[in-house]
Amino acid sequence: MIQNHVDNENKIVTVHQKITHDFVLDIYEQSLHVDDPVQREAIIETARLLSASIGDYLTEDPVEPKSKKTKSDS
């Protein structure tokens, strides 16, 4: 799902892919090779959602490291 976040702070994220017409077409073409109708519809829906965000980027927030317990925390 594509989510728009409005934050007043900058974040460092990992950019995986720019959403282009070719990228959306590649996603759609994947559905042509899937036999399962439910999975095919999910891929087509993904392509439809991505097509509304041409020019944006698929990103991932970095995973926050878990705090380590110290001897004083025990």
N, C-alpha and C. Protein backbone atom coordinates (compact mmCIF):
# COMPACT_ATOMS: atom_id res chain seq x y z
N MET A 1 0.84 -1.17 0.00
CA MET A 1 0.00 0.00 0.00
C MET A 1 0.89 1.24 0.00
N ILE A 2 0.48 2.24 -0.69
CA ILE A 2 1.21 3.49 -0.75
C ILE A 2 0.64 4.42 0.31
N GLN A 3 1.52 4.91 1.16
CA GLN A 3 1.08 5.79 2.22
C GLN A 3 1.80 7.12 2.10
N ASN A 4 1.06 8.17 2.26
CA ASN A 4 1.65 9.50 2.29
C ASN A 4 1.80 9.93 3.74
N HIS A 5 3.01 10.32 4.11
CA HIS A 5 3.26 10.77 5.47
C HIS A 5 3.71 12.21 5.42
N VAL A 6 3.15 13.00 6.29
CA VAL A 6 3.57 14.38 6.40
C VAL A 6 4.24 14.52 7.77
N ASP A 7 5.54 14.61 7.73
CA ASP A 7 6.30 14.77 8.96
C ASP A 7 7.02 16.10 8.92
N ASN A 8 7.26 16.64 10.07
CA ASN A 8 8.02 17.88 10.15
C ASN A 8 9.50 17.60 10.39
N GLU A 9 9.90 16.35 10.26
CA GLU A 9 11.29 15.99 10.45
C GLU A 9 11.79 15.22 9.24
N ASN A 10 13.06 15.31 8.99
CA ASN A 10 13.65 14.57 7.89
C ASN A 10 14.00 13.18 8.35
N LYS A 11 13.86 12.21 7.45
CA LYS A 11 14.21 10.83 7.76
C LYS A 11 15.16 10.32 6.70
N ILE A 12 16.03 9.44 7.10
CA ILE A 12 16.88 8.76 6.15
C ILE A 12 16.21 7.43 5.83
N VAL A 13 15.95 7.21 4.54
CA VAL A 13 15.29 5.98 4.11
C VAL A 13 16.11 5.33 3.00
N THR A 14 15.81 4.08 2.72
CA THR A 14 16.43 3.37 1.61
C THR A 14 15.49 3.44 0.43
N VAL A 15 15.97 3.95 -0.70
CA VAL A 15 15.17 4.02 -1.91
C VAL A 15 15.38 2.73 -2.68
N HIS A 16 14.28 2.02 -2.96
CA HIS A 16 14.37 0.76 -3.68
C HIS A 16 14.10 0.91 -5.17
N GLN A 17 13.19 1.81 -5.53
CA GLN A 17 12.77 1.88 -6.93
C GLN A 17 12.02 3.17 -7.18
N LYS A 18 12.30 3.81 -8.31
CA LYS A 18 11.47 4.93 -8.74
C LYS A 18 10.28 4.34 -9.48
N ILE A 19 9.09 4.83 -9.20
CA ILE A 19 7.88 4.32 -9.85
C ILE A 19 7.76 5.00 -11.21
N THR A 20 7.96 4.24 -12.26
CA THR A 20 7.87 4.74 -13.63
C THR A 20 6.80 3.96 -14.37
N HIS A 21 6.44 4.45 -15.55
CA HIS A 21 5.48 3.72 -16.37
C HIS A 21 6.00 2.32 -16.70
N ASP A 22 7.29 2.21 -17.01
CA ASP A 22 7.87 0.91 -17.33
C ASP A 22 7.81 -0.04 -16.14
N PHE A 23 8.07 0.48 -14.93
CA PHE A 23 8.02 -0.35 -13.73
C PHE A 23 6.60 -0.89 -13.52
N VAL A 24 5.59 -0.02 -13.66
CA VAL A 24 4.20 -0.44 -13.49
C VAL A 24 3.83 -1.47 -14.56
N LEU A 25 4.27 -1.27 -15.79
CA LEU A 25 4.01 -2.22 -16.86
C LEU A 25 4.66 -3.57 -16.57
N ASP A 26 5.87 -3.56 -16.02
CA ASP A 26 6.54 -4.81 -15.65
C ASP A 26 5.75 -5.56 -14.59
N ILE A 27 5.22 -4.82 -13.60
CA ILE A 27 4.40 -5.45 -12.56
C ILE A 27 3.15 -6.07 -13.19
N TYR A 28 2.48 -5.33 -14.06
CA TYR A 28 1.29 -5.84 -14.72
C TYR A 28 1.60 -7.08 -15.55
N GLU A 29 2.71 -7.06 -16.28
CA GLU A 29 3.07 -8.21 -17.11
C GLU A 29 3.35 -9.46 -16.28
N GLN A 30 3.77 -9.29 -15.03
CA GLN A 30 3.94 -10.44 -14.14
C GLN A 30 2.63 -11.18 -13.95
N SER A 31 1.52 -10.43 -13.94
CA SER A 31 0.21 -11.06 -13.74
C SER A 31 -0.17 -11.98 -14.89
N LEU A 32 0.38 -11.72 -16.07
CA LEU A 32 0.04 -12.54 -17.24
C LEU A 32 0.60 -13.95 -17.15
N HIS A 33 1.58 -14.15 -16.26
CA HIS A 33 2.23 -15.46 -16.13
C HIS A 33 1.79 -16.20 -14.87
N VAL A 34 0.76 -15.70 -14.20
CA VAL A 34 0.28 -16.32 -12.96
C VAL A 34 -1.02 -17.03 -13.24
N ASP A 35 -1.10 -18.30 -12.81
CA ASP A 35 -2.31 -19.10 -13.04
C ASP A 35 -3.39 -18.86 -11.99
N ASP A 36 -2.99 -18.57 -10.77
CA ASP A 36 -3.93 -18.38 -9.67
C ASP A 36 -4.68 -17.05 -9.86
N PRO A 37 -6.01 -17.09 -10.03
CA PRO A 37 -6.77 -15.85 -10.29
C PRO A 37 -6.71 -14.85 -9.14
N VAL A 38 -6.63 -15.33 -7.91
CA VAL A 38 -6.57 -14.42 -6.75
C VAL A 38 -5.23 -13.68 -6.75
N GLN A 39 -4.17 -14.42 -6.98
CA GLN A 39 -2.85 -13.80 -7.02
C GLN A 39 -2.73 -12.85 -8.22
N ARG A 40 -3.31 -13.25 -9.36
CA ARG A 40 -3.28 -12.40 -10.54
C ARG A 40 -3.97 -11.07 -10.27
N GLU A 41 -5.15 -11.12 -9.63
CA GLU A 41 -5.87 -9.89 -9.31
C GLU A 41 -5.10 -9.02 -8.33
N ALA A 42 -4.38 -9.65 -7.38
CA ALA A 42 -3.58 -8.89 -6.42
C ALA A 42 -2.46 -8.15 -7.13
N ILE A 43 -1.83 -8.80 -8.10
CA ILE A 43 -0.75 -8.16 -8.86
C ILE A 43 -1.30 -7.02 -9.70
N ILE A 44 -2.44 -7.23 -10.33
CA ILE A 44 -3.06 -6.17 -11.14
C ILE A 44 -3.44 -4.99 -10.26
N GLU A 45 -3.98 -5.25 -9.08
CA GLU A 45 -4.34 -4.18 -8.15
C GLU A 45 -3.10 -3.41 -7.70
N THR A 46 -2.00 -4.13 -7.47
CA THR A 46 -0.74 -3.47 -7.11
C THR A 46 -0.29 -2.54 -8.23
N ALA A 47 -0.37 -3.01 -9.47
CA ALA A 47 0.00 -2.17 -10.62
C ALA A 47 -0.91 -0.94 -10.69
N ARG A 48 -2.20 -1.13 -10.42
CA ARG A 48 -3.13 0.00 -10.47
C ARG A 48 -2.79 1.04 -9.40
N LEU A 49 -2.49 0.57 -8.18
CA LEU A 49 -2.13 1.50 -7.11
C LEU A 49 -0.83 2.23 -7.42
N LEU A 50 0.14 1.51 -7.94
CA LEU A 50 1.42 2.13 -8.28
C LEU A 50 1.27 3.16 -9.40
N SER A 51 0.35 2.90 -10.33
CA SER A 51 0.18 3.81 -11.46
C SER A 51 -0.30 5.19 -11.00
N ALA A 52 -0.90 5.27 -9.84
CA ALA A 52 -1.34 6.55 -9.31
C ALA A 52 -0.19 7.33 -8.69
N SER A 53 0.99 6.70 -8.59
CA SER A 53 2.14 7.34 -7.93
C SER A 53 3.36 7.42 -8.85
N ILE A 54 3.12 7.56 -10.15
CA ILE A 54 4.22 7.68 -11.10
C ILE A 54 5.09 8.87 -10.70
N GLY A 55 6.40 8.65 -10.66
CA GLY A 55 7.34 9.71 -10.29
C GLY A 55 7.76 9.67 -8.83
N ASP A 56 7.02 8.93 -7.99
CA ASP A 56 7.39 8.77 -6.59
C ASP A 56 8.40 7.64 -6.46
N TYR A 57 8.79 7.35 -5.25
CA TYR A 57 9.79 6.31 -4.99
C TYR A 57 9.24 5.29 -4.00
N LEU A 58 9.64 4.03 -4.18
CA LEU A 58 9.37 3.00 -3.19
C LEU A 58 10.52 3.06 -2.19
N THR A 59 10.20 3.30 -0.95
CA THR A 59 11.24 3.46 0.07
C THR A 59 10.97 2.54 1.25
N GLU A 60 11.98 2.41 2.08
CA GLU A 60 11.87 1.61 3.29
C GLU A 60 12.54 2.37 4.42
N ASP A 61 11.83 2.50 5.53
CA ASP A 61 12.44 3.11 6.71
C ASP A 61 13.44 2.13 7.30
N PRO A 62 14.55 2.63 7.81
CA PRO A 62 15.50 1.72 8.44
C PRO A 62 14.90 1.13 9.71
N VAL A 63 15.31 -0.06 10.03
CA VAL A 63 14.82 -0.72 11.23
C VAL A 63 15.55 -0.12 12.42
N GLU A 64 14.78 0.28 13.40
CA GLU A 64 15.38 0.85 14.61
C GLU A 64 16.05 -0.27 15.40
N PRO A 65 17.31 -0.10 15.78
CA PRO A 65 17.96 -1.14 16.58
C PRO A 65 17.32 -1.23 17.96
N LYS A 66 17.18 -2.46 18.43
CA LYS A 66 16.63 -2.65 19.77
C LYS A 66 17.66 -2.19 20.78
N SER A 67 17.18 -1.59 21.84
CA SER A 67 18.12 -1.13 22.87
C SER A 67 18.69 -2.34 23.59
N LYS A 68 19.97 -2.28 23.83
CA LYS A 68 20.64 -3.38 24.52
C LYS A 68 20.53 -3.16 26.01
N LYS A 69 20.32 -4.27 26.71
CA LYS A 69 20.27 -4.19 28.16
C LYS A 69 21.70 -4.07 28.69
N THR A 70 21.86 -3.21 29.64
CA THR A 70 23.15 -3.10 30.30
C THR A 70 23.03 -3.71 31.68
N LYS A 71 24.14 -3.88 32.33
CA LYS A 71 24.11 -4.47 33.68
C LYS A 71 23.31 -3.62 34.63
N SER A 72 23.29 -2.31 34.41
CA SER A 72 22.54 -1.44 35.32
C SER A 72 21.05 -1.55 35.13
N ASP A 73 20.59 -2.08 33.95
CA ASP A 73 19.16 -2.26 33.68
C ASP A 73 18.60 -3.49 34.35
N SER A 74 19.44 -4.41 34.80
CA SER A 74 18.96 -5.70 35.37
C SER A 74 18.43 -5.54 36.76
